[in-house]
PDB file of N, CA and C in Angstrom:
ATOM      1  N   MET A   1      22.896  -1.989  -2.803  1.00  0.00           N
ATOM      2  CA  MET A   1      22.373  -1.922  -1.816  1.00  0.00           C
ATOM      3  C   MET A   1      21.888  -0.623  -1.284  1.00  0.00           C
ATOM      4  N   GLY A   2      20.788  -0.198  -0.945  1.00  0.00           N
ATOM      5  CA  GLY A   2      20.247   0.940  -0.927  1.00  0.00           C
ATOM      6  C   GLY A   2      19.777   1.356   0.650  1.00  0.00           C
ATOM      7  N   ILE A   3      19.176   2.477   0.925  1.00  0.00           N
ATOM      8  CA  ILE A   3      18.884   2.717   2.230  1.00  0.00           C
ATOM      9  C   ILE A   3      17.066   2.872   1.996  1.00  0.00           C
ATOM     10  N   ASN A   4      16.479   2.360   2.858  1.00  0.00           N
ATOM     11  CA  ASN A   4      15.102   2.230   2.943  1.00  0.00           C
ATOM     12  C   ASN A   4      14.490   3.902   3.160  1.00  0.00           C
ATOM     13  N   ILE A   5      13.584   4.342   2.365  1.00  0.00           N
ATOM     14  CA  ILE A   5      12.962   5.604   2.381  1.00  0.00           C
ATOM     15  C   ILE A   5      12.475   5.743   3.635  1.00  0.00           C
ATOM     16  N   SER A   6      11.957   4.795   4.487  1.00  0.00           N
ATOM     17  CA  SER A   6      11.257   5.490   5.744  1.00  0.00           C
ATOM     18  C   SER A   6      12.496   5.748   6.817  1.00  0.00           C
ATOM     19  N   ASN A   7      13.799   5.576   6.298  1.00  0.00           N
ATOM     20  CA  ASN A   7      14.934   5.980   7.373  1.00  0.00           C
ATOM     21  C   ASN A   7      14.785   7.175   7.922  1.00  0.00           C
ATOM     22  N   PRO A   8      14.782   7.475   9.227  1.00  0.00           N
ATOM     23  CA  PRO A   8      14.628   8.877   9.656  1.00  0.00           C
ATOM     24  C   PRO A   8      15.473   9.823   9.133  1.00  0.00           C
ATOM     25  N   GLN A   9      16.802   9.225   8.799  1.00  0.00           N
ATOM     26  CA  GLN A   9      17.727  10.489   8.102  1.00  0.00           C
ATOM     27  C   GLN A   9      17.159  10.917   6.826  1.00  0.00           C
ATOM     28  N   ILE A  10      16.533   9.910   6.106  1.00  0.00           N
ATOM     29  CA  ILE A  10      16.063  10.472   4.680  1.00  0.00           C
ATOM     30  C   ILE A  10      14.997  11.408   4.849  1.00  0.00           C
ATOM     31  N   LEU A  11      14.177  10.959   5.844  1.00  0.00           N
ATOM     32  CA  LEU A  11      13.041  11.995   6.584  1.00  0.00           C
ATOM     33  C   LEU A  11      13.543  13.533   6.739  1.00  0.00           C
ATOM     34  N   ALA A  12      14.589  13.538   7.217  1.00  0.00           N
ATOM     35  CA  ALA A  12      15.325  14.734   7.806  1.00  0.00           C
ATOM     36  C   ALA A  12      15.843  15.748   6.445  1.00  0.00           C
ATOM     37  N   LEU A  13      16.276  14.844   5.296  1.00  0.00           N
ATOM     38  CA  LEU A  13      17.075  15.252   4.348  1.00  0.00           C
ATOM     39  C   LEU A  13      15.929  15.828   3.258  1.00  0.00           C
ATOM     40  N   ARG A  14      14.675  15.065   3.297  1.00  0.00           N
ATOM     41  CA  ARG A  14      13.461  15.690   2.676  1.00  0.00           C
ATOM     42  C   ARG A  14      13.302  16.915   3.077  1.00  0.00           C
ATOM     43  N   THR A  15      13.009  17.064   4.551  1.00  0.00           N
ATOM     44  CA  THR A  15      12.648  18.010   5.060  1.00  0.00           C
ATOM     45  C   THR A  15      13.400  19.242   4.793  1.00  0.00           C
ATOM     46  N   GLU A  16      14.908  19.145   4.980  1.00  0.00           N
ATOM     47  CA  GLU A  16      15.897  20.230   4.410  1.00  0.00           C
ATOM     48  C   GLU A  16      15.868  20.422   3.223  1.00  0.00           C
ATOM     49  N   VAL A  17      15.468  19.752   2.229  1.00  0.00           N
ATOM     50  CA  VAL A  17      15.617  19.988   0.757  1.00  0.00           C
ATOM     51  C   VAL A  17      14.134  20.912   0.665  1.00  0.00           C
ATOM     52  N   GLU A  18      12.973  20.657   1.205  1.00  0.00           N
ATOM     53  CA  GLU A  18      11.887  21.508   1.416  1.00  0.00           C
ATOM     54  C   GLU A  18      12.151  22.704   1.845  1.00  0.00           C
ATOM     55  N   ARG A  19      12.961  22.905   2.973  1.00  0.00           N
ATOM     56  CA  ARG A  19      13.174  24.108   3.530  1.00  0.00           C
ATOM     57  C   ARG A  19      13.880  25.035   2.680  1.00  0.00           C
ATOM     58  N   ASN A  20      14.531  24.411   1.887  1.00  0.00           N
ATOM     59  CA  ASN A  20      15.528  25.365   0.803  1.00  0.00           C
ATOM     60  C   ASN A  20      14.860  25.502  -0.525  1.00  0.00           C
ATOM     61  N   PHE A  21      13.816  24.506  -1.038  1.00  0.00           N
ATOM     62  CA  PHE A  21      13.332  24.501  -2.086  1.00  0.00           C
ATOM     63  C   PHE A  21      11.906  24.775  -2.180  1.00  0.00           C
ATOM     64  N   GLY A  22      11.128  24.496  -1.045  1.00  0.00           N
ATOM     65  CA  GLY A  22       9.896  24.588  -1.060  1.00  0.00           C
ATOM     66  C   GLY A  22       9.106  23.174  -1.115  1.00  0.00           C
ATOM     67  N   LYS A  23       7.759  23.284  -0.624  1.00  0.00           N
ATOM     68  CA  LYS A  23       7.118  22.002  -0.448  1.00  0.00           C
ATOM     69  C   LYS A  23       6.988  21.360  -1.735  1.00  0.00           C
ATOM     70  N   ILE A  24       7.011  20.245  -1.975  1.00  0.00           N
ATOM     71  CA  ILE A  24       6.901  19.376  -3.257  1.00  0.00           C
ATOM     72  C   ILE A  24       5.503  18.683  -3.071  1.00  0.00           C
ATOM     73  N   THR A  25       4.424  19.014  -3.922  1.00  0.00           N
ATOM     74  CA  THR A  25       3.279  18.584  -3.850  1.00  0.00           C
ATOM     75  C   THR A  25       2.689  18.017  -4.891  1.00  0.00           C
ATOM     76  N   SER A  26       3.654  17.674  -5.892  1.00  0.00           N
ATOM     77  CA  SER A  26       3.141  17.273  -7.561  1.00  0.00           C
ATOM     78  C   SER A  26       4.423  16.805  -8.118  1.00  0.00           C
ATOM     79  N   HIS A  27       3.819  16.312  -9.480  1.00  0.00           N
ATOM     80  CA  HIS A  27       4.948  15.663 -10.262  1.00  0.00           C
ATOM     81  C   HIS A  27       5.596  16.846 -10.884  1.00  0.00           C
ATOM     82  N   SER A  28       5.108  18.023 -11.226  1.00  0.00           N
ATOM     83  CA  SER A  28       5.846  19.205 -11.777  1.00  0.00           C
ATOM     84  C   SER A  28       6.788  19.807 -10.722  1.00  0.00           C
ATOM     85  N   GLY A  29       6.519  19.557  -9.077  1.00  0.00           N
ATOM     86  CA  GLY A  29       7.521  20.011  -8.408  1.00  0.00           C
ATOM     87  C   GLY A  29       8.590  19.278  -8.389  1.00  0.00           C
ATOM     88  N   PHE A  30       8.434  17.935  -8.570  1.00  0.00           N
ATOM     89  CA  PHE A  30       9.702  17.022  -8.695  1.00  0.00           C
ATOM     90  C   PHE A  30      10.621  17.076  -9.886  1.00  0.00           C
ATOM     91  N   LYS A  31       9.752  17.690 -11.040  1.00  0.00           N
ATOM     92  CA  LYS A  31      10.717  18.154 -12.310  1.00  0.00           C
ATOM     93  C   LYS A  31      11.119  19.173 -11.989  1.00  0.00           C
ATOM     94  N   ASN A  32      10.884  20.493 -11.309  1.00  0.00           N
ATOM     95  CA  ASN A  32      11.566  21.580 -10.951  1.00  0.00           C
ATOM     96  C   ASN A  32      12.824  21.258 -10.101  1.00  0.00           C
ATOM     97  N   LEU A  33      12.500  20.351  -9.111  1.00  0.00           N
ATOM     98  CA  LEU A  33      13.584  19.963  -8.353  1.00  0.00           C
ATOM     99  C   LEU A  33      14.720  19.209  -8.869  1.00  0.00           C
ATOM    100  N   SER A  34      14.203  18.364  -9.959  1.00  0.00           N
ATOM    101  CA  SER A  34      15.232  17.565 -10.709  1.00  0.00           C
ATOM    102  C   SER A  34      16.189  18.522 -11.349  1.00  0.00           C
ATOM    103  N   GLU A  35      15.729  19.782 -12.053  1.00  0.00           N
ATOM    104  CA  GLU A  35      16.617  20.980 -12.811  1.00  0.00           C
ATOM    105  C   GLU A  35      17.256  21.421 -11.851  1.00  0.00           C
ATOM    106  N   GLN A  36      16.688  21.876 -10.723  1.00  0.00           N
ATOM    107  CA  GLN A  36      17.550  22.547  -9.774  1.00  0.00           C
ATOM    108  C   GLN A  36      18.654  21.844  -9.378  1.00  0.00           C
ATOM    109  N   ILE A  37      18.646  20.569  -8.951  1.00  0.00           N
ATOM    110  CA  ILE A  37      19.735  19.762  -8.471  1.00  0.00           C
ATOM    111  C   ILE A  37      20.727  19.577  -9.640  1.00  0.00           C
ATOM    112  N   GLU A  38      20.409  19.670 -11.110  1.00  0.00           N
ATOM    113  CA  GLU A  38      21.095  19.485 -11.849  1.00  0.00           C
ATOM    114  C   GLU A  38      21.794  20.787 -12.241  1.00  0.00           C
ATOM    115  N   GLN A  39      21.214  21.841 -12.084  1.00  0.00           N
ATOM    116  CA  GLN A  39      21.950  23.228 -12.076  1.00  0.00           C
ATOM    117  C   GLN A  39      22.918  23.336 -11.296  1.00  0.00           C
ATOM    118  N   ARG A  40      22.544  23.150 -10.057  1.00  0.00           N
ATOM    119  CA  ARG A  40      23.402  23.223  -8.847  1.00  0.00           C
ATOM    120  C   ARG A  40      24.455  22.394  -8.698  1.00  0.00           C
ATOM    121  N   CYS A  41      24.386  21.292  -8.806  1.00  0.00           N
ATOM    122  CA  CYS A  41      25.404  19.992  -8.354  1.00  0.00           C
ATOM    123  C   CYS A  41      25.911  19.592  -9.742  1.00  0.00           C
ATOM    124  N   ARG A  42      25.456  19.792 -10.972  1.00  0.00           N
ATOM    125  CA  ARG A  42      25.957  19.043 -12.079  1.00  0.00           C
ATOM    126  C   ARG A  42      25.606  17.741 -12.332  1.00  0.00           C
ATOM    127  N   GLU A  43      24.764  17.242 -11.451  1.00  0.00           N
ATOM    128  CA  GLU A  43      24.570  15.754 -11.588  1.00  0.00           C
ATOM    129  C   GLU A  43      22.962  15.701 -11.875  1.00  0.00           C
ATOM    130  N   HIS A  44      22.600  14.576 -12.605  1.00  0.00           N
ATOM    131  CA  HIS A  44      21.021  14.380 -13.040  1.00  0.00           C
ATOM    132  C   HIS A  44      20.393  13.398 -11.828  1.00  0.00           C
ATOM    133  N   ILE A  45      19.323  13.810 -11.582  1.00  0.00           N
ATOM    134  CA  ILE A  45      18.639  12.591 -10.578  1.00  0.00           C
ATOM    135  C   ILE A  45      17.192  12.522 -11.395  1.00  0.00           C
ATOM    136  N   SER A  46      16.698  11.656 -11.575  1.00  0.00           N
ATOM    137  CA  SER A  46      15.477  11.304 -12.546  1.00  0.00           C
ATOM    138  C   SER A  46      14.365  11.760 -11.341  1.00  0.00           C
ATOM    139  N   ILE A  47      13.253  12.544 -12.210  1.00  0.00           N
ATOM    140  CA  ILE A  47      12.016  12.810 -11.374  1.00  0.00           C
ATOM    141  C   ILE A  47      11.401  11.439 -10.601  1.00  0.00           C
ATOM    142  N   THR A  48      11.595  10.313 -11.419  1.00  0.00           N
ATOM    143  CA  THR A  48      10.670   9.000 -10.628  1.00  0.00           C
ATOM    144  C   THR A  48      11.789   8.748  -9.338  1.00  0.00           C
ATOM    145  N   THR A  49      13.039   9.033  -9.362  1.00  0.00           N
ATOM    146  CA  THR A  49      13.999   8.815  -8.435  1.00  0.00           C
ATOM    147  C   THR A  49      13.634   9.796  -7.087  1.00  0.00           C
ATOM    148  N   LEU A  50      13.434  10.823  -7.588  1.00  0.00           N
ATOM    149  CA  LEU A  50      12.928  12.080  -6.610  1.00  0.00           C
ATOM    150  C   LEU A  50      11.774  11.576  -5.916  1.00  0.00           C
ATOM    151  N   GLU A  51      10.735  11.435  -6.709  1.00  0.00           N
ATOM    152  CA  GLU A  51       9.312  10.931  -6.140  1.00  0.00           C
ATOM    153  C   GLU A  51       9.776   9.621  -5.425  1.00  0.00           C
ATOM    154  N   ARG A  52      10.491   8.774  -5.495  1.00  0.00           N
ATOM    155  CA  ARG A  52      10.684   7.637  -4.959  1.00  0.00           C
ATOM    156  C   ARG A  52      10.833   7.954  -3.368  1.00  0.00           C
ATOM    157  N   ILE A  53      12.142   9.025  -3.249  1.00  0.00           N
ATOM    158  CA  ILE A  53      12.593   9.331  -1.891  1.00  0.00           C
ATOM    159  C   ILE A  53      11.436   9.991  -1.051  1.00  0.00           C
ATOM    160  N   TRP A  54      10.408  10.497  -1.965  1.00  0.00           N
ATOM    161  CA  TRP A  54       9.390  11.479  -1.171  1.00  0.00           C
ATOM    162  C   TRP A  54       8.242  10.583  -0.761  1.00  0.00           C
ATOM    163  N   ASN A  55       8.281   9.112  -1.452  1.00  0.00           N
ATOM    164  CA  ASN A  55       7.488   8.002  -1.378  1.00  0.00           C
ATOM    165  C   ASN A  55       6.164   8.617  -2.417  1.00  0.00           C
ATOM    166  N   TYR A  56       6.419   9.416  -3.109  1.00  0.00           N
ATOM    167  CA  TYR A  56       5.229   9.795  -3.968  1.00  0.00           C
ATOM    168  C   TYR A  56       5.048   8.754  -5.153  1.00  0.00           C
ATOM    169  N   SER A  57       5.855   8.023  -5.339  1.00  0.00           N
ATOM    170  CA  SER A  57       5.670   7.328  -6.495  1.00  0.00           C
ATOM    171  C   SER A  57       4.995   6.080  -6.318  1.00  0.00           C
ATOM    172  N   THR A  58       4.085   5.365  -7.298  1.00  0.00           N
ATOM    173  CA  THR A  58       3.421   4.360  -7.114  1.00  0.00           C
ATOM    174  C   THR A  58       4.114   3.034  -7.311  1.00  0.00           C
ATOM    175  N   ARG A  59       5.333   3.328  -7.761  1.00  0.00           N
ATOM    176  CA  ARG A  59       5.940   1.650  -7.673  1.00  0.00           C
ATOM    177  C   ARG A  59       6.461   1.267  -6.404  1.00  0.00           C
ATOM    178  N   ASN A  60       6.921   0.119  -6.570  1.00  0.00           N
ATOM    179  CA  ASN A  60       7.218  -0.569  -5.287  1.00  0.00           C
ATOM    180  C   ASN A  60       8.601  -0.427  -4.625  1.00  0.00           C
ATOM    181  N   ALA A  61       9.551   0.203  -5.543  1.00  0.00           N
ATOM    182  CA  ALA A  61      10.935   0.546  -4.948  1.00  0.00           C
ATOM    183  C   ALA A  61      10.696   1.375  -3.907  1.00  0.00           C
ATOM    184  N   ASP A  62      11.374   0.826  -2.710  1.00  0.00           N
ATOM    185  CA  ASP A  62      11.400   1.587  -1.364  1.00  0.00           C
ATOM    186  C   ASP A  62      13.104   1.688  -0.898  1.00  0.00           C
ATOM    187  N   ASN A  63      13.754   1.783  -1.368  1.00  0.00           N
ATOM    188  CA  ASN A  63      15.367   1.829  -1.300  1.00  0.00           C
ATOM    189  C   ASN A  63      15.804   3.117  -2.443  1.00  0.00           C
ATOM    190  N   ILE A  64      16.911   3.682  -1.788  1.00  0.00           N
ATOM    191  CA  ILE A  64      17.749   4.561  -2.671  1.00  0.00           C
ATOM    192  C   ILE A  64      18.940   4.390  -2.157  1.00  0.00           C
ATOM    193  N   SER A  65      19.917   4.783  -3.401  1.00  0.00           N
ATOM    194  CA  SER A  65      21.158   4.442  -3.464  1.00  0.00           C
ATOM    195  C   SER A  65      21.918   5.689  -2.561  1.00  0.00           C
ATOM    196  N   VAL A  66      23.069   5.337  -2.030  1.00  0.00           N
ATOM    197  CA  VAL A  66      23.897   6.211  -1.224  1.00  0.00           C
ATOM    198  C   VAL A  66      24.142   7.491  -2.239  1.00  0.00           C
ATOM    199  N   ARG A  67      24.513   6.982  -3.482  1.00  0.00           N
ATOM    200  CA  ARG A  67      25.039   7.832  -4.571  1.00  0.00           C
ATOM    201  C   ARG A  67      23.746   8.897  -4.755  1.00  0.00           C
ATOM    202  N   ILE A  68      22.931   8.417  -4.625  1.00  0.00           N
ATOM    203  CA  ILE A  68      21.701   9.393  -4.789  1.00  0.00           C
ATOM    204  C   ILE A  68      21.671  10.403  -3.675  1.00  0.00           C
ATOM    205  N   LEU A  69      21.646   9.706  -2.677  1.00  0.00           N
ATOM    206  CA  LEU A  69      21.483  10.791  -1.401  1.00  0.00           C
ATOM    207  C   LEU A  69      23.097  11.294  -1.011  1.00  0.00           C
ATOM    208  N   ASP A  70      23.848  11.122  -1.735  1.00  0.00           N
ATOM    209  CA  ASP A  70      25.209  12.150  -1.511  1.00  0.00           C
ATOM    210  C   ASP A  70      24.711  13.196  -2.635  1.00  0.00           C
ATOM    211  N   ILE A  71      24.315  13.080  -3.756  1.00  0.00           N
ATOM    212  CA  ILE A  71      23.690  14.352  -4.466  1.00  0.00           C
ATOM    213  C   ILE A  71      22.773  14.988  -3.953  1.00  0.00           C
ATOM    214  N   VAL A  72      21.783  14.435  -3.422  1.00  0.00           N
ATOM    215  CA  VAL A  72      20.735  15.344  -2.730  1.00  0.00           C
ATOM    216  C   VAL A  72      21.254  16.060  -1.409  1.00  0.00           C
ATOM    217  N   SER A  73      22.347  15.494  -0.531  1.00  0.00           N
ATOM    218  CA  SER A  73      22.999  16.079   0.211  1.00  0.00           C
ATOM    219  C   SER A  73      23.821  17.306  -0.116  1.00  0.00           C
ATOM    220  N   ARG A  74      24.392  17.057  -1.231  1.00  0.00           N
ATOM    221  CA  ARG A  74      24.896  18.225  -1.777  1.00  0.00           C
ATOM    222  C   ARG A  74      24.093  19.328  -2.087  1.00  0.00           C
ATOM    223  N   PHE A  75      22.910  19.173  -2.390  1.00  0.00           N
ATOM    224  CA  PHE A  75      22.127  19.886  -2.858  1.00  0.00           C
ATOM    225  C   PHE A  75      21.599  20.834  -1.468  1.00  0.00           C
ATOM    226  N   VAL A  76      21.696  20.204  -0.466  1.00  0.00           N
ATOM    227  CA  VAL A  76      21.450  21.340   0.613  1.00  0.00           C
ATOM    228  C   VAL A  76      22.559  21.731   1.144  1.00  0.00           C
ATOM    229  N   GLY A  77      23.675  21.571   0.503  1.00  0.00           N
ATOM    230  CA  GLY A  77      24.960  22.313   1.031  1.00  0.00           C
ATOM    231  C   GLY A  77      25.904  21.290   1.935  1.00  0.00           C
ATOM    232  N   VAL A  78      25.718  20.153   2.056  1.00  0.00           N
ATOM    233  CA  VAL A  78      26.630  19.281   2.717  1.00  0.00           C
ATOM    234  C   VAL A  78      27.393  18.321   1.763  1.00  0.00           C
ATOM    235  N   ASP A  79      28.626  17.969   2.165  1.00  0.00           N
ATOM    236  CA  ASP A  79      29.363  17.272   1.041  1.00  0.00           C
ATOM    237  C   ASP A  79      28.846  15.808   0.787  1.00  0.00           C
ATOM    238  N   ASN A  80      28.195  15.381   1.569  1.00  0.00           N
ATOM    239  CA  ASN A  80      27.580  13.785   1.118  1.00  0.00           C
ATOM    240  C   ASN A  80      26.726  13.210   2.098  1.00  0.00           C
ATOM    241  N   TRP A  81      26.313  12.246   2.040  1.00  0.00           N
ATOM    242  CA  TRP A  81      25.078  11.739   2.746  1.00  0.00           C
ATOM    243  C   TRP A  81      25.798  11.344   4.049  1.00  0.00           C
ATOM    244  N   GLU A  82      27.216  10.722   4.339  1.00  0.00           N
ATOM    245  CA  GLU A  82      27.837  10.405   5.422  1.00  0.00           C
ATOM    246  C   GLU A  82      27.821  11.649   6.303  1.00  0.00           C
ATOM    247  N   ASP A  83      28.273  12.753   5.702  1.00  0.00           N
ATOM    248  CA  ASP A  83      28.264  13.855   6.371  1.00  0.00           C
ATOM    249  C   ASP A  83      27.077  14.525   6.919  1.00  0.00           C
ATOM    250  N   PHE A  84      25.904  14.471   6.158  1.00  0.00           N
ATOM    251  CA  PHE A  84      24.560  14.923   6.475  1.00  0.00           C
ATOM    252  C   PHE A  84      24.153  14.055   7.842  1.00  0.00           C
ATOM    253  N   CYS A  85      24.271  12.782   7.691  1.00  0.00           N
ATOM    254  CA  CYS A  85      23.961  12.101   9.115  1.00  0.00           C
ATOM    255  C   CYS A  85      24.940  12.394  10.253  1.00  0.00           C
ATOM    256  N   ASN A  86      26.175  12.497   9.810  1.00  0.00           N
ATOM    257  CA  ASN A  86      26.924  13.017  11.032  1.00  0.00           C
ATOM    258  C   ASN A  86      26.477  14.479  11.525  1.00  0.00           C
ATOM    259  N   THR A  87      26.248  15.243  10.618  1.00  0.00           N
ATOM    260  CA  THR A  87      25.602  16.703  10.979  1.00  0.00           C
ATOM    261  C   THR A  87      24.390  16.525  12.008  1.00  0.00           C
ATOM    262  N   LEU A  88      23.203  15.650  11.385  1.00  0.00           N
ATOM    263  CA  LEU A  88      22.110  15.094  12.187  1.00  0.00           C
ATOM    264  C   LEU A  88      22.450  14.623  13.782  1.00  0.00           C
ATOM    265  N   TYR A  89      23.370  13.793  13.767  1.00  0.00           N
ATOM    266  CA  TYR A  89      23.902  13.261  14.943  1.00  0.00           C
ATOM    267  C   TYR A  89      24.257  14.181  16.197  1.00  0.00           C
ATOM    268  N   ILE A  90      25.300  15.370  15.303  1.00  0.00           N
ATOM    269  CA  ILE A  90      25.777  16.145  16.137  1.00  0.00           C
ATOM    270  C   ILE A  90      24.780  17.326  16.774  1.00  0.00           C
ATOM    271  N   LYS A  91      23.744  17.709  15.814  1.00  0.00           N
ATOM    272  CA  LYS A  91      22.632  18.330  16.294  1.00  0.00           C
ATOM    273  C   LYS A  91      21.900  17.761  17.112  1.00  0.00           C
ATOM    274  N   ALA A  92      21.597  16.455  17.040  1.00  0.00           N
ATOM    275  CA  ALA A  92      20.677  15.754  18.280  1.00  0.00           C
ATOM    276  C   ALA A  92      21.485  15.705  19.464  1.00  0.00           C
ATOM    277  N   LYS A  93      22.542  15.305  19.342  1.00  0.00           N
ATOM    278  CA  LYS A  93      23.625  15.471  20.640  1.00  0.00           C
ATOM    279  C   LYS A  93      23.398  16.694  21.466  1.00  0.00           C
ATOM    280  N   LYS A  94      23.671  17.625  20.799  1.00  0.00           N
ATOM    281  CA  LYS A  94      23.732  19.133  21.469  1.00  0.00           C
ATOM    282  C   LYS A  94      22.414  19.560  21.763  1.00  0.00           C
ATOM    283  N   GLU A  95      21.290  19.151  21.148  1.00  0.00           N
ATOM    284  CA  GLU A  95      19.978  19.363  21.543  1.00  0.00           C
ATOM    285  C   GLU A  95      19.566  18.755  22.832  1.00  0.00           C
ATOM    286  N   SER A  96      20.157  17.449  22.874  1.00  0.00           N
ATOM    287  CA  SER A  96      19.865  16.565  24.017  1.00  0.00           C
ATOM    288  C   SER A  96      20.552  16.965  25.138  1.00  0.00           C
ATOM    289  N   GLU A  97      21.725  17.498  25.104  1.00  0.00           N
ATOM    290  CA  GLU A  97      22.399  18.239  26.311  1.00  0.00           C
ATOM    291  C   GLU A  97      21.837  19.190  26.918  1.00  0.00           C
ATOM    292  N   LEU A  98      21.032  19.942  25.959  1.00  0.00           N
ATOM    293  CA  LEU A  98      20.346  21.104  26.506  1.00  0.00           C
ATOM    294  C   LEU A  98      19.493  20.807  27.583  1.00  0.00           C
ATOM    295  N   PHE A  99      18.722  19.262  27.576  1.00  0.00           N
ATOM    296  CA  PHE A  99      17.820  18.965  28.362  1.00  0.00           C
ATOM    297  C   PHE A  99      18.396  18.182  29.521  1.00  0.00           C
ATOM    298  N   GLY A 100      19.667  17.784  29.313  1.00  0.00           N
ATOM    299  CA  GLY A 100      20.498  16.919  30.193  1.00  0.00           C
ATOM    300  C   GLY A 100      20.435  17.828  31.699  1.00  0.00           C
ATOM    301  N   SER A 101      20.607  16.901  32.659  1.00  0.00           N
ATOM    302  CA  SER A 101      20.823  17.589  34.107  1.00  0.00           C
ATOM    303  C   SER A 101      22.046  17.010  34.692  1.00  0.00           C
ATOM    304  N   ASP A 102      22.896  17.804  35.469  1.00  0.00           N
ATOM    305  CA  ASP A 102      23.831  17.130  36.098  1.00  0.00           C
ATOM    306  C   ASP A 102      23.785  16.870  37.651  1.00  0.00           C
TER     307      ASP A 102
END
């Protein structure tokens, strides 16, 4: 069972990867990202899997496993996918409190 690539948390993860790695606009960019992930995390993610996460693939697969999302989360400096999502939740809660009124 995977998570759909249109999930807002996956979109946030892609944004965070690109903030650290740079904008990815080509197959060679995904190749370079795959190499960087393998070097930093000691785990392999195929180029086609990364292309699926970015919806760059022409294949009809639109779900990503949590195991893959764990690896990408570690690439951006978080322990796993669950921690990445929790961090987003905490950040969103803090930002909403800034605009709240008593």
